[in-house]
Amino acid sequence: MGELRTYRVNGMTCEGCVRAVTNALRKANPAADVHVDLTGGTVAVAGIDSDEQVRMAMERAGFEFLGAFDA
């Protein structure tokens, strides 16, 4: 499905946020594999290869995209 990439996202606080983020990313690719970590403020995505697509999806959903997570 593609490489799993992790991004930092600001503003996620509840399960509604998880649904909004997941839905926004699946609009970019309905088959995307999305894992949201509310506590860590991260979103792991496989199936969307462009960081720019992820950024645009996060911003459309109302969240602040902080870039790729560097562990």
C-alpha atoms as a PDB file:
ATOM      1  CA  MET A   1       0.000   0.000   0.000  1.00  0.00           C
ATOM      2  CA  GLY A   2       2.952   2.313   0.300  1.00  0.00           C
ATOM      3  CA  GLU A   3       5.286   3.557   2.951  1.00  0.00           C
ATOM      4  CA  LEU A   4       3.871   4.400   6.379  1.00  0.00           C
ATOM      5  CA  ARG A   5       4.665   8.039   7.160  1.00  0.00           C
ATOM      6  CA  THR A   6       3.978   9.810  10.441  1.00  0.00           C
ATOM      7  CA  TYR A   7       3.006  13.470  10.720  1.00  0.00           C
ATOM      8  CA  ARG A   8       2.568  15.883  13.604  1.00  0.00           C
ATOM      9  CA  VAL A   9      -0.859  17.517  13.732  1.00  0.00           C
ATOM     10  CA  ASN A  10      -2.055  20.146  16.183  1.00  0.00           C
ATOM     11  CA  GLY A  11      -5.608  20.511  17.441  1.00  0.00           C
ATOM     12  CA  MET A  12      -6.799  16.906  17.690  1.00  0.00           C
ATOM     13  CA  THR A  13      -8.552  16.407  21.019  1.00  0.00           C
ATOM     14  CA  CYS A  14     -11.338  13.823  20.692  1.00  0.00           C
ATOM     15  CA  GLU A  15     -12.796  10.905  18.757  1.00  0.00           C
ATOM     16  CA  GLY A  16     -14.603  13.409  16.519  1.00  0.00           C
ATOM     17  CA  CYS A  17     -11.183  14.713  15.532  1.00  0.00           C
ATOM     18  CA  VAL A  18     -10.060  11.166  14.748  1.00  0.00           C
ATOM     19  CA  ARG A  19     -13.055  10.721  12.427  1.00  0.00           C
ATOM     20  CA  ALA A  20     -12.497  14.117  10.772  1.00  0.00           C
ATOM     21  CA  VAL A  21      -8.810  13.391  10.118  1.00  0.00           C
ATOM     22  CA  THR A  22      -9.494   9.865   8.879  1.00  0.00           C
ATOM     23  CA  ASN A  23     -12.280  11.029   6.566  1.00  0.00           C
ATOM     24  CA  ALA A  24     -10.183  13.894   5.189  1.00  0.00           C
ATOM     25  CA  LEU A  25      -7.290  11.566   4.368  1.00  0.00           C
ATOM     26  CA  ARG A  26      -9.564   8.942   2.842  1.00  0.00           C
ATOM     27  CA  LYS A  27     -10.950  11.595   0.495  1.00  0.00           C
ATOM     28  CA  ALA A  28      -7.403  11.838  -0.899  1.00  0.00           C
ATOM     29  CA  ASN A  29      -7.206   8.030  -1.159  1.00  0.00           C
ATOM     30  CA  PRO A  30     -10.173   5.868  -0.090  1.00  0.00           C
ATOM     31  CA  ALA A  31      -7.830   2.927   0.507  1.00  0.00           C
ATOM     32  CA  ALA A  32      -5.435   4.894   2.749  1.00  0.00           C
ATOM     33  CA  ASP A  33      -4.446   3.237   6.013  1.00  0.00           C
ATOM     34  CA  VAL A  34      -4.789   5.904   8.737  1.00  0.00           C
ATOM     35  CA  HIS A  35      -3.817   5.665  12.421  1.00  0.00           C
ATOM     36  CA  VAL A  36      -4.419   8.669  14.693  1.00  0.00           C
ATOM     37  CA  ASP A  37      -2.657   9.020  18.059  1.00  0.00           C
ATOM     38  CA  LEU A  38      -4.492  11.718  20.013  1.00  0.00           C
ATOM     39  CA  THR A  39      -2.090  11.583  22.952  1.00  0.00           C
ATOM     40  CA  GLY A  40       0.996  11.958  20.776  1.00  0.00           C
ATOM     41  CA  GLY A  41      -0.600  14.386  18.332  1.00  0.00           C
ATOM     42  CA  THR A  42       0.437  12.268  15.369  1.00  0.00           C
ATOM     43  CA  VAL A  43      -1.166  10.706  12.328  1.00  0.00           C
ATOM     44  CA  ALA A  44       0.412   7.723  10.556  1.00  0.00           C
ATOM     45  CA  VAL A  45      -0.637   7.291   6.938  1.00  0.00           C
ATOM     46  CA  ALA A  46       0.076   4.673   4.283  1.00  0.00           C
ATOM     47  CA  GLY A  47      -1.310   5.033   0.795  1.00  0.00           C
ATOM     48  CA  ILE A  48      -0.796   8.772   0.343  1.00  0.00           C
ATOM     49  CA  ASP A  49       2.689   9.399  -0.976  1.00  0.00           C
ATOM     50  CA  SER A  50       2.615  13.197  -1.069  1.00  0.00           C
ATOM     51  CA  ASP A  51       3.234  15.193   2.115  1.00  0.00           C
ATOM     52  CA  GLU A  52       1.445  18.065   0.383  1.00  0.00           C
ATOM     53  CA  GLN A  53      -1.725  15.980  -0.034  1.00  0.00           C
ATOM     54  CA  VAL A  54      -1.621  15.130   3.659  1.00  0.00           C
ATOM     55  CA  ARG A  55      -1.087  18.797   4.582  1.00  0.00           C
ATOM     56  CA  MET A  56      -4.017  19.940   2.456  1.00  0.00           C
ATOM     57  CA  ALA A  57      -6.298  17.251   3.894  1.00  0.00           C
ATOM     58  CA  MET A  58      -5.382  18.207   7.480  1.00  0.00           C
ATOM     59  CA  GLU A  59      -5.954  21.900   6.834  1.00  0.00           C
ATOM     60  CA  ARG A  60      -9.294  21.255   5.091  1.00  0.00           C
ATOM     61  CA  ALA A  61     -10.346  19.279   8.179  1.00  0.00           C
ATOM     62  CA  GLY A  62      -9.452  22.267  10.380  1.00  0.00           C
ATOM     63  CA  PHE A  63      -6.189  21.060  11.911  1.00  0.00           C
ATOM     64  CA  GLU A  64      -2.706  22.556  11.918  1.00  0.00           C
ATOM     65  CA  PHE A  65      -0.249  20.408   9.945  1.00  0.00           C
ATOM     66  CA  LEU A  66       3.182  20.515  11.633  1.00  0.00           C
ATOM     67  CA  GLY A  67       5.081  18.334   9.171  1.00  0.00           C
ATOM     68  CA  ALA A  68       6.621  14.902   9.142  1.00  0.00           C
ATOM     69  CA  PHE A  69       7.463  13.396  12.505  1.00  0.00           C
ATOM     70  CA  ASP A  70      11.180  12.981  13.093  1.00  0.00           C
ATOM     71  CA  ALA A  71      11.608  10.400  15.817  1.00  0.00           C
END
